[in-house]
Amino acid sequence: MKELGNIIYWFGCVVAATLLGIGVADYWFGGHHLTAFLSWAVLAVIPWLVGRASLFVLAVGARSPHKVKNSDAPALKRDAEEDWARYAALRKKMEELEGLDGQ
């Protein structure tokens, strides 16, 4: 599915670049104003966004966004202990500072 998402994305990029090229040529050689170029640019964004969305849905969206961590893993326990130690040290320091303010 990832390959299909890449193909659709690159096809959208080619179509968008072609439309943008037409817009530049129309602006330079057609004698139109900047608003005509901007309309070509907006039109070029549409296939690019469709390709980008298909890339996300088919390639990235196929994986689960929620990774489940093993709570019994030593690294996870160590991280939790380090986080708790930082919290406890910060809380102790805050209590000391509050005690100094009351004096």
N, C-alpha and C. Protein backbone atom coordinates (compact mmCIF):
# COMPACT_ATOMS: atom_id res chain seq x y z
N MET A 1 0.82 -1.20 0.00
CA MET A 1 0.00 0.00 0.00
C MET A 1 0.86 1.26 0.00
N LYS A 2 2.05 1.14 0.64
CA LYS A 2 2.92 2.31 0.70
C LYS A 2 3.38 2.71 -0.70
N GLU A 3 3.66 1.73 -1.55
CA GLU A 3 4.09 2.03 -2.92
C GLU A 3 2.98 2.74 -3.70
N LEU A 4 1.75 2.28 -3.53
CA LEU A 4 0.62 2.93 -4.21
C LEU A 4 0.46 4.37 -3.73
N GLY A 5 0.62 4.59 -2.42
CA GLY A 5 0.55 5.95 -1.89
C GLY A 5 1.64 6.83 -2.47
N ASN A 6 2.86 6.30 -2.61
CA ASN A 6 3.95 7.07 -3.22
C ASN A 6 3.67 7.39 -4.68
N ILE A 7 3.12 6.43 -5.41
CA ILE A 7 2.81 6.67 -6.83
C ILE A 7 1.77 7.76 -6.98
N ILE A 8 0.70 7.68 -6.19
CA ILE A 8 -0.35 8.71 -6.27
C ILE A 8 0.20 10.06 -5.85
N TYR A 9 1.06 10.09 -4.82
CA TYR A 9 1.64 11.34 -4.37
C TYR A 9 2.49 11.97 -5.47
N TRP A 10 3.38 11.18 -6.08
CA TRP A 10 4.25 11.74 -7.12
C TRP A 10 3.46 12.14 -8.36
N PHE A 11 2.39 11.41 -8.69
CA PHE A 11 1.54 11.82 -9.79
C PHE A 11 0.89 13.16 -9.48
N GLY A 12 0.41 13.34 -8.25
CA GLY A 12 -0.17 14.62 -7.84
C GLY A 12 0.86 15.74 -7.91
N CYS A 13 2.12 15.43 -7.55
CA CYS A 13 3.19 16.44 -7.64
C CYS A 13 3.45 16.85 -9.08
N VAL A 14 3.46 15.87 -9.98
CA VAL A 14 3.70 16.17 -11.40
C VAL A 14 2.56 17.01 -11.97
N VAL A 15 1.33 16.64 -11.63
CA VAL A 15 0.18 17.41 -12.11
C VAL A 15 0.22 18.83 -11.55
N ALA A 16 0.56 18.96 -10.27
CA ALA A 16 0.63 20.29 -9.65
C ALA A 16 1.73 21.12 -10.28
N ALA A 17 2.89 20.52 -10.55
CA ALA A 17 3.98 21.27 -11.19
C ALA A 17 3.60 21.68 -12.60
N THR A 18 2.89 20.83 -13.31
CA THR A 18 2.44 21.17 -14.66
C THR A 18 1.47 22.35 -14.62
N LEU A 19 0.52 22.30 -13.71
CA LEU A 19 -0.44 23.40 -13.59
C LEU A 19 0.25 24.69 -13.18
N LEU A 20 1.21 24.59 -12.29
CA LEU A 20 1.95 25.78 -11.88
C LEU A 20 2.77 26.33 -13.04
N GLY A 21 3.36 25.44 -13.84
CA GLY A 21 4.09 25.88 -15.04
C GLY A 21 3.19 26.57 -16.04
N ILE A 22 1.99 26.04 -16.21
CA ILE A 22 1.02 26.69 -17.10
C ILE A 22 0.68 28.08 -16.57
N GLY A 23 0.51 28.18 -15.24
CA GLY A 23 0.20 29.47 -14.64
C GLY A 23 1.32 30.48 -14.83
N VAL A 24 2.57 30.04 -14.71
CA VAL A 24 3.70 30.95 -14.91
C VAL A 24 3.76 31.39 -16.37
N ALA A 25 3.58 30.44 -17.29
CA ALA A 25 3.59 30.78 -18.71
C ALA A 25 2.45 31.74 -19.05
N ASP A 26 1.29 31.50 -18.47
CA ASP A 26 0.14 32.37 -18.71
C ASP A 26 0.41 33.78 -18.17
N TYR A 27 1.07 33.86 -17.02
CA TYR A 27 1.38 35.16 -16.42
C TYR A 27 2.42 35.91 -17.24
N TRP A 28 3.48 35.22 -17.66
CA TRP A 28 4.56 35.87 -18.40
C TRP A 28 4.18 36.20 -19.84
N PHE A 29 3.60 35.23 -20.52
CA PHE A 29 3.39 35.39 -21.96
C PHE A 29 1.95 35.71 -22.34
N GLY A 30 1.02 35.49 -21.43
CA GLY A 30 -0.38 35.72 -21.76
C GLY A 30 -0.85 37.13 -21.44
N GLY A 31 -0.03 37.88 -20.74
CA GLY A 31 -0.41 39.25 -20.40
C GLY A 31 -1.47 39.34 -19.32
N HIS A 32 -1.63 38.30 -18.53
CA HIS A 32 -2.62 38.33 -17.46
C HIS A 32 -2.01 38.92 -16.19
N HIS A 33 -2.88 39.22 -15.27
CA HIS A 33 -2.45 39.81 -14.01
C HIS A 33 -2.08 38.73 -12.99
N LEU A 34 -1.64 39.19 -11.85
CA LEU A 34 -1.21 38.29 -10.79
C LEU A 34 -2.36 37.42 -10.28
N THR A 35 -3.57 37.93 -10.34
CA THR A 35 -4.71 37.15 -9.86
C THR A 35 -4.91 35.89 -10.69
N ALA A 36 -4.62 35.98 -12.00
CA ALA A 36 -4.74 34.79 -12.85
C ALA A 36 -3.69 33.76 -12.44
N PHE A 37 -2.47 34.22 -12.13
CA PHE A 37 -1.43 33.29 -11.69
C PHE A 37 -1.82 32.65 -10.35
N LEU A 38 -2.37 33.45 -9.45
CA LEU A 38 -2.77 32.91 -8.16
C LEU A 38 -3.87 31.86 -8.30
N SER A 39 -4.77 32.07 -9.24
CA SER A 39 -5.81 31.07 -9.45
C SER A 39 -5.21 29.77 -9.99
N TRP A 40 -4.19 29.87 -10.85
CA TRP A 40 -3.48 28.67 -11.32
C TRP A 40 -2.77 28.00 -10.15
N ALA A 41 -2.18 28.80 -9.26
CA ALA A 41 -1.47 28.24 -8.12
C ALA A 41 -2.42 27.51 -7.17
N VAL A 42 -3.58 28.09 -6.93
CA VAL A 42 -4.57 27.43 -6.08
C VAL A 42 -5.05 26.15 -6.74
N LEU A 43 -5.23 26.19 -8.05
CA LEU A 43 -5.63 24.99 -8.78
C LEU A 43 -4.54 23.92 -8.71
N ALA A 44 -3.28 24.33 -8.66
CA ALA A 44 -2.17 23.37 -8.59
C ALA A 44 -2.07 22.74 -7.20
N VAL A 45 -2.54 23.43 -6.17
CA VAL A 45 -2.45 22.89 -4.82
C VAL A 45 -3.39 21.70 -4.64
N ILE A 46 -4.49 21.70 -5.35
CA ILE A 46 -5.50 20.65 -5.17
C ILE A 46 -4.95 19.25 -5.46
N PRO A 47 -4.34 18.99 -6.64
CA PRO A 47 -3.81 17.63 -6.84
C PRO A 47 -2.65 17.29 -5.90
N TRP A 48 -1.89 18.30 -5.51
CA TRP A 48 -0.81 18.02 -4.56
C TRP A 48 -1.37 17.58 -3.21
N LEU A 49 -2.43 18.27 -2.75
CA LEU A 49 -3.05 17.89 -1.47
C LEU A 49 -3.69 16.51 -1.54
N VAL A 50 -4.32 16.21 -2.68
CA VAL A 50 -4.92 14.88 -2.83
C VAL A 50 -3.83 13.81 -2.78
N GLY A 51 -2.71 14.06 -3.46
CA GLY A 51 -1.61 13.11 -3.40
C GLY A 51 -1.03 12.99 -2.02
N ARG A 52 -0.90 14.10 -1.33
CA ARG A 52 -0.34 14.08 0.03
C ARG A 52 -1.27 13.33 0.97
N ALA A 53 -2.57 13.53 0.83
CA ALA A 53 -3.52 12.83 1.69
C ALA A 53 -3.50 11.33 1.40
N SER A 54 -3.40 10.96 0.14
CA SER A 54 -3.35 9.54 -0.19
C SER A 54 -2.07 8.91 0.33
N LEU A 55 -0.97 9.65 0.30
CA LEU A 55 0.28 9.14 0.86
C LEU A 55 0.12 8.89 2.35
N PHE A 56 -0.51 9.80 3.04
CA PHE A 56 -0.72 9.62 4.48
C PHE A 56 -1.63 8.44 4.77
N VAL A 57 -2.75 8.37 4.04
CA VAL A 57 -3.72 7.32 4.32
C VAL A 57 -3.17 5.94 3.97
N LEU A 58 -2.51 5.84 2.82
CA LEU A 58 -2.06 4.53 2.37
C LEU A 58 -0.73 4.10 2.98
N ALA A 59 0.16 5.04 3.25
CA ALA A 59 1.49 4.66 3.74
C ALA A 59 1.61 4.81 5.25
N VAL A 60 1.29 5.97 5.75
CA VAL A 60 1.49 6.24 7.16
C VAL A 60 0.28 5.80 7.97
N GLY A 61 -0.91 6.02 7.46
CA GLY A 61 -2.12 5.69 8.18
C GLY A 61 -2.37 4.22 8.34
N ALA A 62 -1.63 3.38 7.61
CA ALA A 62 -1.82 1.94 7.72
C ALA A 62 -1.28 1.42 9.04
N ARG A 63 -0.31 2.13 9.61
CA ARG A 63 0.25 1.73 10.90
C ARG A 63 -0.63 2.26 12.02
N SER A 64 -0.57 1.61 13.12
CA SER A 64 -1.34 2.05 14.28
C SER A 64 -0.69 3.30 14.88
N PRO A 65 -1.45 4.36 15.09
CA PRO A 65 -0.86 5.57 15.68
C PRO A 65 -0.58 5.41 17.17
N HIS A 66 -1.18 4.39 17.79
CA HIS A 66 -1.03 4.19 19.22
C HIS A 66 -0.08 3.02 19.47
N LYS A 67 1.10 3.34 19.90
CA LYS A 67 2.07 2.31 20.24
C LYS A 67 1.84 1.90 21.69
N VAL A 68 1.71 0.63 21.92
CA VAL A 68 1.52 0.12 23.27
C VAL A 68 2.89 -0.28 23.81
N LYS A 69 3.25 0.30 24.93
CA LYS A 69 4.55 0.00 25.53
C LYS A 69 4.39 -1.12 26.55
N ASN A 70 5.41 -1.92 26.64
CA ASN A 70 5.44 -2.99 27.61
C ASN A 70 5.78 -2.40 28.97
N SER A 71 4.82 -2.43 29.88
CA SER A 71 5.03 -1.80 31.18
C SER A 71 6.02 -2.57 32.04
N ASP A 72 6.33 -3.80 31.67
CA ASP A 72 7.29 -4.60 32.43
C ASP A 72 8.72 -4.41 31.94
N ALA A 73 8.90 -3.63 30.90
CA ALA A 73 10.23 -3.43 30.33
C ALA A 73 11.09 -2.62 31.31
N PRO A 74 12.35 -3.02 31.49
CA PRO A 74 13.22 -2.31 32.44
C PRO A 74 13.43 -0.85 32.06
N ALA A 75 13.55 -0.56 30.78
CA ALA A 75 13.78 0.83 30.36
C ALA A 75 12.58 1.71 30.71
N LEU A 76 11.39 1.19 30.55
CA LEU A 76 10.19 1.97 30.87
C LEU A 76 10.10 2.22 32.38
N LYS A 77 10.44 1.19 33.16
CA LYS A 77 10.42 1.38 34.61
C LYS A 77 11.46 2.40 35.04
N ARG A 78 12.65 2.34 34.43
CA ARG A 78 13.70 3.29 34.76
C ARG A 78 13.27 4.71 34.42
N ASP A 79 12.64 4.89 33.24
CA ASP A 79 12.14 6.22 32.86
C ASP A 79 11.12 6.73 33.87
N ALA A 80 10.22 5.85 34.29
CA ALA A 80 9.20 6.25 35.26
C ALA A 80 9.84 6.64 36.59
N GLU A 81 10.84 5.87 37.02
CA GLU A 81 11.53 6.20 38.28
C GLU A 81 12.27 7.52 38.18
N GLU A 82 12.91 7.78 37.03
CA GLU A 82 13.61 9.05 36.84
C GLU A 82 12.64 10.22 36.83
N ASP A 83 11.50 10.03 36.15
CA ASP A 83 10.49 11.09 36.14
C ASP A 83 9.98 11.38 37.55
N TRP A 84 9.74 10.30 38.33
CA TRP A 84 9.24 10.48 39.69
C TRP A 84 10.28 11.16 40.56
N ALA A 85 11.55 10.80 40.37
CA ALA A 85 12.62 11.43 41.16
C ALA A 85 12.71 12.91 40.85
N ARG A 86 12.60 13.28 39.57
CA ARG A 86 12.62 14.71 39.21
C ARG A 86 11.44 15.45 39.82
N TYR A 87 10.27 14.82 39.79
CA TYR A 87 9.08 15.43 40.37
C TYR A 87 9.25 15.62 41.87
N ALA A 88 9.76 14.58 42.54
CA ALA A 88 9.93 14.66 43.99
C ALA A 88 10.96 15.74 44.35
N ALA A 89 12.05 15.84 43.59
CA ALA A 89 13.06 16.87 43.88
C ALA A 89 12.49 18.26 43.65
N LEU A 90 11.70 18.43 42.60
CA LEU A 90 11.10 19.73 42.32
C LEU A 90 10.09 20.09 43.42
N ARG A 91 9.32 19.12 43.86
CA ARG A 91 8.34 19.37 44.91
C ARG A 91 9.04 19.76 46.22
N LYS A 92 10.13 19.06 46.54
CA LYS A 92 10.88 19.37 47.76
C LYS A 92 11.45 20.78 47.71
N LYS A 93 11.99 21.14 46.54
CA LYS A 93 12.55 22.49 46.38
C LYS A 93 11.46 23.55 46.50
N MET A 94 10.29 23.27 45.93
CA MET A 94 9.18 24.24 46.03
C MET A 94 8.74 24.40 47.48
N GLU A 95 8.70 23.29 48.22
CA GLU A 95 8.31 23.38 49.64
C GLU A 95 9.34 24.19 50.43
N GLU A 96 10.62 24.00 50.12
CA GLU A 96 11.66 24.77 50.79
C GLU A 96 11.51 26.27 50.49
N LEU A 97 11.23 26.58 49.24
CA LEU A 97 11.08 27.99 48.86
C LEU A 97 9.84 28.60 49.50
N GLU A 98 8.77 27.82 49.59
CA GLU A 98 7.57 28.33 50.26
C GLU A 98 7.83 28.58 51.74
N GLY A 99 8.66 27.71 52.34
CA GLY A 99 9.01 27.89 53.75
C GLY A 99 9.82 29.14 53.96
N LEU A 100 10.66 29.51 53.01
CA LEU A 100 11.46 30.73 53.13
C LEU A 100 10.60 31.97 52.99
N ASP A 101 9.54 31.89 52.17
CA ASP A 101 8.67 33.04 51.98
C ASP A 101 7.87 33.34 53.23
N GLY A 102 7.55 32.33 54.01
CA GLY A 102 6.72 32.53 55.20
C GLY A 102 7.48 33.15 56.35
N GLN A 103 8.80 33.14 56.31
CA GLN A 103 9.59 33.66 57.44
C GLN A 103 9.77 35.13 57.37
